[in-house]
Amino acid sequence: MTLPLAPRGGPVPARRHHLPAEGKIQPMPLMRIQIDSDRYTAHRVTQLHQAGKVHHESRDAAREEVWRRGRTPAAEPIFVGTTNGTPVRLLYDVEVYLESIQ
């Protein structure tokens, strides 16, 4: 099986899928989470991400924000970048389940 190529030539990462009652496979929905930060922390998180490492505090904060919004995370938050505004915000994408029982 050949994976489709990303714009820069690397393989596109596989996404989780869920199987609804009809039996059709659909991609898991994503929530974009913004975490307030400062420039130093944002720079550090970006450096860790580029080195293939994780900034645990901000990842945990993104996960907690998903729970706070009433959704259940389906996977670990994925760091996608930072904003250029003031205050700087860390951006995370988090796959969530469509239905949450609370």
C-alpha atoms as a PDB file:
ATOM      1  CA  MET A   1       0.000   0.000   0.000  1.00  0.00           C
ATOM      2  CA  THR A   2       1.374   3.392  -1.002  1.00  0.00           C
ATOM      3  CA  LEU A   3       0.664   6.420   1.140  1.00  0.00           C
ATOM      4  CA  PRO A   4      -0.235   9.702  -0.584  1.00  0.00           C
ATOM      5  CA  LEU A   5       2.548  12.268  -0.512  1.00  0.00           C
ATOM      6  CA  ALA A   6       2.430  15.477   1.479  1.00  0.00           C
ATOM      7  CA  PRO A   7       3.291  18.756  -0.319  1.00  0.00           C
ATOM      8  CA  ARG A   8       6.953  18.464   0.718  1.00  0.00           C
ATOM      9  CA  GLY A   9       7.223  14.883  -0.506  1.00  0.00           C
ATOM     10  CA  GLY A  10       6.883  13.034   2.819  1.00  0.00           C
ATOM     11  CA  PRO A  11       4.096  10.558   3.572  1.00  0.00           C
ATOM     12  CA  VAL A  12       0.848  11.917   4.923  1.00  0.00           C
ATOM     13  CA  PRO A  13       0.379  10.681   8.508  1.00  0.00           C
ATOM     14  CA  ALA A  14      -2.420   8.178   8.951  1.00  0.00           C
ATOM     15  CA  ARG A  15      -5.488   9.454  10.768  1.00  0.00           C
ATOM     16  CA  ARG A  16      -7.745   7.466  12.995  1.00  0.00           C
ATOM     17  CA  HIS A  17     -11.207   6.748  11.711  1.00  0.00           C
ATOM     18  CA  HIS A  18     -14.416   5.749  13.401  1.00  0.00           C
ATOM     19  CA  LEU A  19     -17.085   3.404  12.131  1.00  0.00           C
ATOM     20  CA  PRO A  20     -20.632   4.794  12.471  1.00  0.00           C
ATOM     21  CA  ALA A  21     -23.728   2.583  12.510  1.00  0.00           C
ATOM     22  CA  GLU A  22     -23.997   2.688   8.694  1.00  0.00           C
ATOM     23  CA  GLY A  23     -20.594   1.002   8.405  1.00  0.00           C
ATOM     24  CA  LYS A  24     -18.936   3.851   6.479  1.00  0.00           C
ATOM     25  CA  ILE A  25     -15.483   4.912   7.626  1.00  0.00           C
ATOM     26  CA  GLN A  26     -15.230   8.632   8.392  1.00  0.00           C
ATOM     27  CA  PRO A  27     -12.295  10.691   9.684  1.00  0.00           C
ATOM     28  CA  MET A  28     -12.306  11.678  13.342  1.00  0.00           C
ATOM     29  CA  PRO A  29     -13.250  15.327  13.878  1.00  0.00           C
ATOM     30  CA  LEU A  30     -10.512  17.725  14.980  1.00  0.00           C
ATOM     31  CA  MET A  31     -10.703  20.546  17.491  1.00  0.00           C
ATOM     32  CA  ARG A  32      -8.218  23.410  17.134  1.00  0.00           C
ATOM     33  CA  ILE A  33      -7.138  24.460  20.627  1.00  0.00           C
ATOM     34  CA  GLN A  34      -5.319  27.731  21.402  1.00  0.00           C
ATOM     35  CA  ILE A  35      -3.292  27.928  24.617  1.00  0.00           C
ATOM     36  CA  ASP A  36      -2.110  31.343  25.875  1.00  0.00           C
ATOM     37  CA  SER A  37       1.659  31.481  26.199  1.00  0.00           C
ATOM     38  CA  ASP A  38       4.629  33.825  26.202  1.00  0.00           C
ATOM     39  CA  ARG A  39       7.226  34.200  23.444  1.00  0.00           C
ATOM     40  CA  TYR A  40       9.917  32.271  25.326  1.00  0.00           C
ATOM     41  CA  THR A  41       7.672  29.259  25.988  1.00  0.00           C
ATOM     42  CA  ALA A  42       6.308  29.339  22.424  1.00  0.00           C
ATOM     43  CA  HIS A  43       9.862  29.315  21.062  1.00  0.00           C
ATOM     44  CA  ARG A  44      10.809  26.443  23.375  1.00  0.00           C
ATOM     45  CA  VAL A  45       7.737  24.395  22.380  1.00  0.00           C
ATOM     46  CA  THR A  46       8.552  24.955  18.686  1.00  0.00           C
ATOM     47  CA  GLN A  47      12.173  23.868  19.226  1.00  0.00           C
ATOM     48  CA  LEU A  48      11.060  20.713  21.042  1.00  0.00           C
ATOM     49  CA  HIS A  49       8.565  19.923  18.275  1.00  0.00           C
ATOM     50  CA  GLN A  50      11.237  20.329  15.579  1.00  0.00           C
ATOM     51  CA  ALA A  51      13.487  17.976  17.559  1.00  0.00           C
ATOM     52  CA  GLY A  52      10.712  15.361  17.685  1.00  0.00           C
ATOM     53  CA  LYS A  53      10.027  15.910  21.391  1.00  0.00           C
ATOM     54  CA  VAL A  54       6.949  17.014  23.336  1.00  0.00           C
ATOM     55  CA  HIS A  55       6.303  19.928  25.711  1.00  0.00           C
ATOM     56  CA  HIS A  56       4.195  18.006  28.223  1.00  0.00           C
ATOM     57  CA  GLU A  57       2.727  20.977  30.089  1.00  0.00           C
ATOM     58  CA  SER A  58       1.200  22.599  27.000  1.00  0.00           C
ATOM     59  CA  ARG A  59       0.028  19.255  25.586  1.00  0.00           C
ATOM     60  CA  ASP A  60      -1.714  18.487  28.891  1.00  0.00           C
ATOM     61  CA  ALA A  61      -3.268  21.976  28.889  1.00  0.00           C
ATOM     62  CA  ALA A  62      -4.656  21.347  25.379  1.00  0.00           C
ATOM     63  CA  ARG A  63      -6.124  18.018  26.498  1.00  0.00           C
ATOM     64  CA  GLU A  64      -7.708  19.670  29.555  1.00  0.00           C
ATOM     65  CA  GLU A  65      -9.240  22.370  27.339  1.00  0.00           C
ATOM     66  CA  VAL A  66     -10.915  19.674  25.209  1.00  0.00           C
ATOM     67  CA  TRP A  67     -12.384  18.098  28.351  1.00  0.00           C
ATOM     68  CA  ARG A  68     -13.474  21.550  29.567  1.00  0.00           C
ATOM     69  CA  ARG A  69     -15.381  22.064  26.300  1.00  0.00           C
ATOM     70  CA  GLY A  70     -17.274  18.829  26.889  1.00  0.00           C
ATOM     71  CA  ARG A  71     -15.538  16.567  24.370  1.00  0.00           C
ATOM     72  CA  THR A  72     -13.558  13.374  24.811  1.00  0.00           C
ATOM     73  CA  PRO A  73     -10.080  13.309  23.223  1.00  0.00           C
ATOM     74  CA  ALA A  74      -9.575  10.378  20.854  1.00  0.00           C
ATOM     75  CA  ALA A  75      -5.796  10.845  20.542  1.00  0.00           C
ATOM     76  CA  GLU A  76      -2.904  12.892  21.884  1.00  0.00           C
ATOM     77  CA  PRO A  77      -2.930  16.620  21.014  1.00  0.00           C
ATOM     78  CA  ILE A  78      -0.717  17.473  18.030  1.00  0.00           C
ATOM     79  CA  PHE A  79       1.273  20.717  18.079  1.00  0.00           C
ATOM     80  CA  VAL A  80       0.684  22.615  14.817  1.00  0.00           C
ATOM     81  CA  GLY A  81       2.291  25.996  15.483  1.00  0.00           C
ATOM     82  CA  THR A  82       1.954  29.363  17.165  1.00  0.00           C
ATOM     83  CA  THR A  83       0.112  32.604  16.473  1.00  0.00           C
ATOM     84  CA  ASN A  84       1.931  35.834  15.651  1.00  0.00           C
ATOM     85  CA  GLY A  85      -0.294  38.062  17.768  1.00  0.00           C
ATOM     86  CA  THR A  86      -0.038  39.304  21.301  1.00  0.00           C
ATOM     87  CA  PRO A  87      -0.434  37.294  23.449  1.00  0.00           C
ATOM     88  CA  VAL A  88       1.255  34.433  21.644  1.00  0.00           C
ATOM     89  CA  ARG A  89      -0.868  31.285  21.566  1.00  0.00           C
ATOM     90  CA  LEU A  90       0.169  27.683  21.034  1.00  0.00           C
ATOM     91  CA  LEU A  91      -1.995  25.838  18.496  1.00  0.00           C
ATOM     92  CA  TYR A  92      -2.903  22.187  18.957  1.00  0.00           C
ATOM     93  CA  ASP A  93      -5.168  19.901  16.925  1.00  0.00           C
ATOM     94  CA  VAL A  94      -6.938  17.249  18.971  1.00  0.00           C
ATOM     95  CA  GLU A  95      -8.978  14.417  17.506  1.00  0.00           C
ATOM     96  CA  VAL A  96     -12.233  14.010  19.432  1.00  0.00           C
ATOM     97  CA  TYR A  97     -15.049  11.500  19.498  1.00  0.00           C
ATOM     98  CA  LEU A  98     -18.270  12.677  17.877  1.00  0.00           C
ATOM     99  CA  GLU A  99     -20.489  11.704  20.802  1.00  0.00           C
ATOM    100  CA  SER A 100     -19.492  12.062  24.428  1.00  0.00           C
ATOM    101  CA  ILE A 101     -21.417  10.575  27.300  1.00  0.00           C
ATOM    102  CA  GLN A 102     -21.119  12.694  30.387  1.00  0.00           C
END
